[in-house]
C-alpha atoms as a PDB file:
ATOM      1  CA  MET A   1     -30.710  13.943 -30.324  1.00  0.00           C
ATOM      2  CA  SER A   2     -31.720  11.824 -27.281  1.00  0.00           C
ATOM      3  CA  LEU A   3     -30.122  12.948 -23.950  1.00  0.00           C
ATOM      4  CA  THR A   4     -31.229   9.641 -22.102  1.00  0.00           C
ATOM      5  CA  ALA A   5     -27.850   7.647 -22.756  1.00  0.00           C
ATOM      6  CA  PRO A   6     -25.616  10.670 -21.643  1.00  0.00           C
ATOM      7  CA  ARG A   7     -27.546  11.192 -18.605  1.00  0.00           C
ATOM      8  CA  ARG A   8     -27.131   7.651 -17.557  1.00  0.00           C
ATOM      9  CA  ALA A   9     -23.509   7.681 -18.312  1.00  0.00           C
ATOM     10  CA  ALA A  10     -22.988  10.770 -16.335  1.00  0.00           C
ATOM     11  CA  LEU A  11     -24.762   9.390 -13.284  1.00  0.00           C
ATOM     12  CA  ALA A  12     -22.486   6.275 -13.448  1.00  0.00           C
ATOM     13  CA  ASP A  13     -19.547   8.402 -13.883  1.00  0.00           C
ATOM     14  CA  GLN A  14     -20.482  10.443 -10.662  1.00  0.00           C
ATOM     15  CA  VAL A  15     -20.778   7.304  -8.729  1.00  0.00           C
ATOM     16  CA  ILE A  16     -17.598   6.015 -10.030  1.00  0.00           C
ATOM     17  CA  GLY A  17     -16.081   9.312  -8.950  1.00  0.00           C
ATOM     18  CA  GLN A  18     -17.440   9.123  -5.573  1.00  0.00           C
ATOM     19  CA  LEU A  19     -16.457   5.509  -4.887  1.00  0.00           C
ATOM     20  CA  ARG A  20     -12.882   6.290  -6.332  1.00  0.00           C
ATOM     21  CA  LEU A  21     -12.674   9.182  -3.863  1.00  0.00           C
ATOM     22  CA  GLN A  22     -13.384   6.877  -0.977  1.00  0.00           C
ATOM     23  CA  ILE A  23     -10.498   4.670  -2.125  1.00  0.00           C
ATOM     24  CA  THR A  24      -7.850   7.341  -2.880  1.00  0.00           C
ATOM     25  CA  SER A  25      -8.635   9.244   0.116  1.00  0.00           C
ATOM     26  CA  GLY A  26      -7.929   6.304   2.274  1.00  0.00           C
ATOM     27  CA  GLU A  27     -11.583   6.182   3.709  1.00  0.00           C
ATOM     28  CA  TRP A  28     -11.602   2.720   2.276  1.00  0.00           C
ATOM     29  CA  PRO A  29      -8.062   1.208   2.915  1.00  0.00           C
ATOM     30  CA  VAL A  30      -6.487  -1.227   0.709  1.00  0.00           C
ATOM     31  CA  GLY A  31      -7.680  -4.704   1.908  1.00  0.00           C
ATOM     32  CA  SER A  32     -10.956  -3.504   3.267  1.00  0.00           C
ATOM     33  CA  ARG A  33     -14.340  -4.659   2.314  1.00  0.00           C
ATOM     34  CA  ILE A  34     -16.568  -1.803   0.767  1.00  0.00           C
ATOM     35  CA  PRO A  35     -20.327  -1.436   1.650  1.00  0.00           C
ATOM     36  CA  THR A  36     -22.733  -3.930   0.072  1.00  0.00           C
ATOM     37  CA  GLU A  37     -24.650  -2.892  -3.105  1.00  0.00           C
ATOM     38  CA  PRO A  38     -27.781  -2.337  -1.047  1.00  0.00           C
ATOM     39  CA  GLU A  39     -26.004  -0.184   1.341  1.00  0.00           C
ATOM     40  CA  LEU A  40     -24.522   1.803  -1.516  1.00  0.00           C
ATOM     41  CA  VAL A  41     -27.781   2.254  -3.152  1.00  0.00           C
ATOM     42  CA  GLU A  42     -29.262   3.691  -0.009  1.00  0.00           C
ATOM     43  CA  GLN A  43     -26.205   5.919   0.588  1.00  0.00           C
ATOM     44  CA  LEU A  44     -26.100   7.280  -3.056  1.00  0.00           C
ATOM     45  CA  GLY A  45     -29.787   7.221  -3.794  1.00  0.00           C
ATOM     46  CA  VAL A  46     -29.297   5.635  -7.241  1.00  0.00           C
ATOM     47  CA  ALA A  47     -30.442   2.471  -8.860  1.00  0.00           C
ATOM     48  CA  ARG A  48     -28.803  -0.839  -8.120  1.00  0.00           C
ATOM     49  CA  ASN A  49     -27.615  -1.236 -11.812  1.00  0.00           C
ATOM     50  CA  THR A  50     -25.744   2.020 -11.577  1.00  0.00           C
ATOM     51  CA  VAL A  51     -23.892   0.898  -8.541  1.00  0.00           C
ATOM     52  CA  ARG A  52     -23.124  -2.347 -10.149  1.00  0.00           C
ATOM     53  CA  GLU A  53     -21.855  -0.650 -13.162  1.00  0.00           C
ATOM     54  CA  ALA A  54     -19.551   1.736 -11.078  1.00  0.00           C
ATOM     55  CA  ILE A  55     -18.300  -1.199  -9.124  1.00  0.00           C
ATOM     56  CA  ARG A  56     -17.420  -3.428 -12.247  1.00  0.00           C
ATOM     57  CA  ALA A  57     -15.743  -0.395 -13.892  1.00  0.00           C
ATOM     58  CA  LEU A  58     -13.605   0.119 -10.824  1.00  0.00           C
ATOM     59  CA  ALA A  59     -12.725  -3.603 -10.706  1.00  0.00           C
ATOM     60  CA  HIS A  60     -11.821  -3.542 -14.409  1.00  0.00           C
ATOM     61  CA  ASN A  61      -9.419  -0.742 -13.447  1.00  0.00           C
ATOM     62  CA  GLY A  62      -7.896  -2.817 -10.749  1.00  0.00           C
ATOM     63  CA  LEU A  63      -9.096  -0.597  -7.802  1.00  0.00           C
ATOM     64  CA  LEU A  64     -11.581  -3.182  -6.563  1.00  0.00           C
ATOM     65  CA  ASP A  65     -11.562  -6.976  -6.216  1.00  0.00           C
ATOM     66  CA  ILE A  66     -15.045  -8.581  -6.513  1.00  0.00           C
ATOM     67  CA  ARG A  67     -15.005 -11.961  -4.629  1.00  0.00           C
ATOM     68  CA  GLN A  68     -18.045 -14.117  -5.098  1.00  0.00           C
ATOM     69  CA  GLY A  69     -19.694 -15.021  -1.736  1.00  0.00           C
ATOM     70  CA  SER A  70     -17.484 -12.733   0.102  1.00  0.00           C
ATOM     71  CA  GLY A  71     -17.982  -9.213  -1.190  1.00  0.00           C
ATOM     72  CA  THR A  72     -16.066  -6.484  -2.960  1.00  0.00           C
ATOM     73  CA  TYR A  73     -12.598  -5.482  -1.390  1.00  0.00           C
ATOM     74  CA  VAL A  74     -10.179  -2.377  -2.138  1.00  0.00           C
ATOM     75  CA  ALA A  75      -7.311  -3.874  -4.058  1.00  0.00           C
ATOM     76  CA  ALA A  76      -5.322  -0.646  -5.048  1.00  0.00           C
ATOM     77  CA  THR A  77      -5.410   3.265  -4.531  1.00  0.00           C
ATOM     78  CA  SER A  78      -5.007   4.091  -8.076  1.00  0.00           C
ATOM     79  CA  GLU A  79      -5.357   2.794 -11.563  1.00  0.00           C
ATOM     80  CA  LEU A  80      -1.406   2.389 -11.914  1.00  0.00           C
ATOM     81  CA  ALA A  81      -1.488   0.652  -8.549  1.00  0.00           C
ATOM     82  CA  GLY A  82      -4.189  -1.758  -9.751  1.00  0.00           C
ATOM     83  CA  VAL A  83      -2.223  -2.511 -12.959  1.00  0.00           C
ATOM     84  CA  MET A  84       0.918  -3.150 -10.805  1.00  0.00           C
ATOM     85  CA  HIS A  85      -1.019  -5.380  -8.365  1.00  0.00           C
ATOM     86  CA  ARG A  86      -2.338  -7.543 -11.407  1.00  0.00           C
ATOM     87  CA  ARG A  87       0.877  -7.618 -13.277  1.00  0.00           C
ATOM     88  CA  PHE A  88       3.175  -8.436 -10.275  1.00  0.00           C
ATOM     89  CA  ALA A  89       0.782 -10.494  -8.189  1.00  0.00           C
ATOM     90  CA  GLU A  90       2.685 -13.767  -9.118  1.00  0.00           C
ATOM     91  CA  ALA A  91       6.245 -12.163  -9.352  1.00  0.00           C
ATOM     92  CA  GLN A  92       9.149 -14.003  -7.885  1.00  0.00           C
ATOM     93  CA  PRO A  93       9.735 -12.958  -4.261  1.00  0.00           C
ATOM     94  CA  ARG A  94      13.383 -12.324  -5.146  1.00  0.00           C
ATOM     95  CA  ASP A  95      12.381  -9.975  -7.888  1.00  0.00           C
ATOM     96  CA  VAL A  96      10.136  -8.068  -5.585  1.00  0.00           C
ATOM     97  CA  ALA A  97      12.937  -7.954  -2.896  1.00  0.00           C
ATOM     98  CA  GLU A  98      15.312  -6.629  -5.160  1.00  0.00           C
ATOM     99  CA  VAL A  99      13.108  -3.862  -6.667  1.00  0.00           C
ATOM    100  CA  ARG A 100      11.906  -2.864  -3.109  1.00  0.00           C
ATOM    101  CA  SER A 101      15.489  -3.003  -1.729  1.00  0.00           C
ATOM    102  CA  THR A 102      16.615  -0.533  -4.649  1.00  0.00           C
ATOM    103  CA  LEU A 103      13.674   1.892  -4.146  1.00  0.00           C
ATOM    104  CA  GLU A 104      13.834   2.011  -0.291  1.00  0.00           C
ATOM    105  CA  ALA A 105      17.576   2.325  -0.372  1.00  0.00           C
ATOM    106  CA  SER A 106      17.367   5.245  -2.789  1.00  0.00           C
ATOM    107  CA  ALA A 107      14.473   6.883  -0.792  1.00  0.00           C
ATOM    108  CA  ALA A 108      16.468   6.528   2.604  1.00  0.00           C
ATOM    109  CA  ARG A 109      19.635   8.083   1.079  1.00  0.00           C
ATOM    110  CA  LEU A 110      17.587  11.034  -0.051  1.00  0.00           C
ATOM    111  CA  ALA A 111      15.662  11.354   3.221  1.00  0.00           C
ATOM    112  CA  ALA A 112      18.806  11.609   5.204  1.00  0.00           C
ATOM    113  CA  ARG A 113      19.531  14.707   3.246  1.00  0.00           C
ATOM    114  CA  ARG A 114      16.105  16.320   2.893  1.00  0.00           C
ATOM    115  CA  ARG A 115      14.036  15.309   5.892  1.00  0.00           C
ATOM    116  CA  THR A 116      12.338  17.801   7.954  1.00  0.00           C
ATOM    117  CA  PRO A 117      12.043  17.971  11.867  1.00  0.00           C
ATOM    118  CA  ARG A 118       8.299  17.173  11.414  1.00  0.00           C
ATOM    119  CA  GLU A 119       9.026  14.193   9.283  1.00  0.00           C
ATOM    120  CA  LEU A 120      11.681  13.002  11.935  1.00  0.00           C
ATOM    121  CA  ARG A 121       8.925  13.150  14.589  1.00  0.00           C
ATOM    122  CA  GLN A 122       6.526  11.260  12.245  1.00  0.00           C
ATOM    123  CA  LEU A 123       9.133   8.588  11.635  1.00  0.00           C
ATOM    124  CA  ASP A 124       9.682   8.214  15.486  1.00  0.00           C
ATOM    125  CA  THR A 125       5.971   7.916  15.976  1.00  0.00           C
ATOM    126  CA  LEU A 126       5.424   5.364  13.171  1.00  0.00           C
ATOM    127  CA  LEU A 127       8.668   3.253  14.365  1.00  0.00           C
ATOM    128  CA  ALA A 128       6.931   3.052  17.832  1.00  0.00           C
ATOM    129  CA  ARG A 129       3.617   2.073  16.271  1.00  0.00           C
ATOM    130  CA  ARG A 130       5.379  -0.644  14.113  1.00  0.00           C
ATOM    131  CA  GLU A 131       6.924  -2.111  17.389  1.00  0.00           C
ATOM    132  CA  ALA A 132       3.675  -1.813  19.197  1.00  0.00           C
ATOM    133  CA  ALA A 133       2.052  -3.801  16.298  1.00  0.00           C
ATOM    134  CA  TRP A 134       4.749  -6.421  16.566  1.00  0.00           C
ATOM    135  CA  ASP A 135       4.072  -7.046  20.157  1.00  0.00           C
ATOM    136  CA  THR A 136       0.441  -7.594  19.577  1.00  0.00           C
ATOM    137  CA  GLY A 137       1.322 -10.747  17.480  1.00  0.00           C
ATOM    138  CA  ASN A 138      -1.336  -9.627  14.971  1.00  0.00           C
ATOM    139  CA  VAL A 139       0.213 -10.254  11.474  1.00  0.00           C
ATOM    140  CA  GLU A 140      -2.086  -7.960   9.477  1.00  0.00           C
ATOM    141  CA  ARG A 141      -1.639  -5.024  11.991  1.00  0.00           C
ATOM    142  CA  PHE A 142       2.024  -5.414  11.743  1.00  0.00           C
ATOM    143  CA  VAL A 143       2.141  -5.542   7.949  1.00  0.00           C
ATOM    144  CA  GLU A 144       0.067  -2.418   7.825  1.00  0.00           C
ATOM    145  CA  ALA A 145       2.268  -0.674  10.313  1.00  0.00           C
ATOM    146  CA  ASP A 146       5.533  -1.666   8.522  1.00  0.00           C
ATOM    147  CA  ALA A 147       4.289  -0.750   5.304  1.00  0.00           C
ATOM    148  CA  THR A 148       3.138   2.694   6.465  1.00  0.00           C
ATOM    149  CA  PHE A 149       6.561   3.408   8.266  1.00  0.00           C
ATOM    150  CA  HIS A 150       8.322   2.556   4.994  1.00  0.00           C
ATOM    151  CA  MET A 151       6.039   4.798   2.979  1.00  0.00           C
ATOM    152  CA  ALA A 152       6.817   7.559   5.346  1.00  0.00           C
ATOM    153  CA  VAL A 153      10.574   7.062   4.806  1.00  0.00           C
ATOM    154  CA  VAL A 154      10.125   7.337   1.027  1.00  0.00           C
ATOM    155  CA  GLN A 155       7.884  10.386   1.300  1.00  0.00           C
ATOM    156  CA  ALA A 156      10.771  12.021   3.279  1.00  0.00           C
ATOM    157  CA  SER A 157      12.816  11.767   0.252  1.00  0.00           C
ATOM    158  CA  HIS A 158      10.859  14.649  -1.203  1.00  0.00           C
ATOM    159  CA  ASN A 159      10.983  12.974  -4.760  1.00  0.00           C
ATOM    160  CA  GLU A 160       7.457  12.944  -6.092  1.00  0.00           C
ATOM    161  CA  VAL A 161       8.064  10.388  -8.844  1.00  0.00           C
ATOM    162  CA  LEU A 162       9.801   7.981  -6.331  1.00  0.00           C
ATOM    163  CA  THR A 163       6.901   8.528  -3.840  1.00  0.00           C
ATOM    164  CA  GLU A 164       4.255   7.911  -6.383  1.00  0.00           C
ATOM    165  CA  LEU A 165       5.983   4.632  -7.796  1.00  0.00           C
ATOM    166  CA  TYR A 166       6.527   3.340  -4.354  1.00  0.00           C
ATOM    167  CA  ALA A 167       2.870   4.065  -3.440  1.00  0.00           C
ATOM    168  CA  ASP A 168       1.611   2.367  -6.598  1.00  0.00           C
ATOM    169  CA  LEU A 169       3.645  -0.744  -5.663  1.00  0.00           C
ATOM    170  CA  GLY A 170       2.135  -0.678  -2.244  1.00  0.00           C
ATOM    171  CA  SER A 171      -0.153  -3.708  -2.569  1.00  0.00           C
ATOM    172  CA  VAL A 172       2.755  -5.789  -4.017  1.00  0.00           C
ATOM    173  CA  VAL A 173       5.060  -4.857  -1.225  1.00  0.00           C
ATOM    174  CA  ARG A 174       2.225  -5.699   1.395  1.00  0.00           C
ATOM    175  CA  ALA A 175       1.511  -8.994  -0.349  1.00  0.00           C
ATOM    176  CA  PHE A 176       5.364  -9.681  -0.453  1.00  0.00           C
ATOM    177  CA  LEU A 177       5.587  -8.947   3.297  1.00  0.00           C
ATOM    178  CA  ARG A 178       2.556 -10.857   4.304  1.00  0.00           C
ATOM    179  CA  HIS A 179       3.885 -13.962   2.416  1.00  0.00           C
ATOM    180  CA  ASP A 180       7.200 -13.374   4.191  1.00  0.00           C
ATOM    181  CA  VAL A 181       5.717 -13.032   7.621  1.00  0.00           C
ATOM    182  CA  GLY A 182       3.503 -16.057   7.317  1.00  0.00           C
ATOM    183  CA  ASP A 183       0.693 -16.965   9.858  1.00  0.00           C
ATOM    184  CA  GLU A 184       2.591 -15.684  12.956  1.00  0.00           C
ATOM    185  CA  LEU A 185       5.176 -13.312  13.951  1.00  0.00           C
ATOM    186  CA  ARG A 186       8.375 -15.020  15.169  1.00  0.00           C
ATOM    187  CA  ALA A 187      10.990 -13.543  17.420  1.00  0.00           C
ATOM    188  CA  GLU A 188      13.846 -14.513  15.398  1.00  0.00           C
ATOM    189  CA  ASP A 189      12.388 -12.699  12.354  1.00  0.00           C
ATOM    190  CA  HIS A 190      12.130  -9.314  14.077  1.00  0.00           C
ATOM    191  CA  MET A 191      14.129  -6.634  12.309  1.00  0.00           C
ATOM    192  CA  ASP A 192      15.016  -3.506  14.164  1.00  0.00           C
ATOM    193  CA  HIS A 193      14.346  -0.336  12.156  1.00  0.00           C
ATOM    194  CA  GLY A 194      15.690   2.051  14.804  1.00  0.00           C
ATOM    195  CA  ARG A 195      19.167   2.234  13.121  1.00  0.00           C
ATOM    196  CA  LEU A 196      17.572   3.393   9.902  1.00  0.00           C
ATOM    197  CA  VAL A 197      15.774   6.324  11.767  1.00  0.00           C
ATOM    198  CA  ASP A 198      18.887   7.085  13.641  1.00  0.00           C
ATOM    199  CA  ALA A 199      20.874   7.482  10.286  1.00  0.00           C
ATOM    200  CA  ILE A 200      18.235   9.599   8.728  1.00  0.00           C
ATOM    201  CA  ARG A 201      18.207  11.816  11.827  1.00  0.00           C
ATOM    202  CA  ALA A 202      21.998  12.056  11.814  1.00  0.00           C
ATOM    203  CA  GLY A 203      22.001  13.024   8.041  1.00  0.00           C
ATOM    204  CA  ASP A 204      24.107   9.786   7.170  1.00  0.00           C
ATOM    205  CA  PRO A 205      22.837   9.031   3.637  1.00  0.00           C
ATOM    206  CA  GLU A 206      25.052   5.847   3.018  1.00  0.00           C
ATOM    207  CA  THR A 207      24.138   4.348   6.413  1.00  0.00           C
ATOM    208  CA  ALA A 208      20.588   5.111   5.820  1.00  0.00           C
ATOM    209  CA  ALA A 209      20.470   3.497   2.186  1.00  0.00           C
ATOM    210  CA  SER A 210      22.503   0.351   3.519  1.00  0.00           C
ATOM    211  CA  GLU A 211      19.905  -0.171   6.442  1.00  0.00           C
ATOM    212  CA  ALA A 212      16.894   0.365   4.430  1.00  0.00           C
ATOM    213  CA  GLY A 213      18.217  -1.755   1.311  1.00  0.00           C
ATOM    214  CA  SER A 214      19.136  -4.664   3.750  1.00  0.00           C
ATOM    215  CA  TYR A 215      15.637  -5.348   5.051  1.00  0.00           C
ATOM    216  CA  ALA A 216      13.975  -6.421   1.862  1.00  0.00           C
ATOM    217  CA  ARG A 217      17.140  -8.337   0.782  1.00  0.00           C
ATOM    218  CA  VAL A 218      16.923 -10.448   4.001  1.00  0.00           C
ATOM    219  CA  CYS A 219      13.101 -11.003   3.284  1.00  0.00           C
ATOM    220  CA  GLY A 220      13.797 -11.934  -0.201  1.00  0.00           C
ATOM    221  CA  ARG A 221      16.575 -14.445   0.664  1.00  0.00           C
ATOM    222  CA  SER A 222      14.266 -16.255   3.255  1.00  0.00           C
ATOM    223  CA  LEU A 223      11.401 -16.472   0.721  1.00  0.00           C
ATOM    224  CA  TYR A 224      13.608 -17.516  -2.139  1.00  0.00           C
ATOM    225  CA  ALA A 225      15.159 -20.208  -0.090  1.00  0.00           C
ATOM    226  CA  ALA A 226      11.721 -21.337   1.142  1.00  0.00           C
ATOM    227  CA  GLY A 227      10.471 -21.639  -2.390  1.00  0.00           C
END
């Protein structure tokens, strides 16, 4: 029996594994452009066809987005996230807002009961980073800082299923926020998240849930009205 085909398949699988690791580890963040095919060929020491096969496989799974004339970009951090991104890319803003509000309110309620001192310090740091990003006026920087802050609140819930589900919706949430913010950051659209952190610190589940749930609902109303 010939071993040629299995060897080629195994090599492609190894390349797929290495590229996937770059994505899932955060080395290549969502939205970033990955190295070009020639660069990957040089880094990995494999044939161009092998690299191309790996990229196509990851694009098929929703992790990469191949844009002709621009390059290949990271679309999601997991296969499920890729499916979520494709399935809900054209979802109504109101629907995304309602789901986001439900998940974030539930997470904040749990975080107020379960957060650790270390997680409180992290939330303080990420809240300050979010405000600093807003002050720069850079939309993309703010979107990333805001998404990272909310992800930390969800992680503080210590609910693995909720955390994984929210993470897999990450690209949808970012796209929703990016659409809501538009091309510029406007003072009248700024939402203070300090009360949410204060409620989590105070161990006040209902206030934390109310604060967290309100942010996405406000965004959703503005988008739905605009549409």
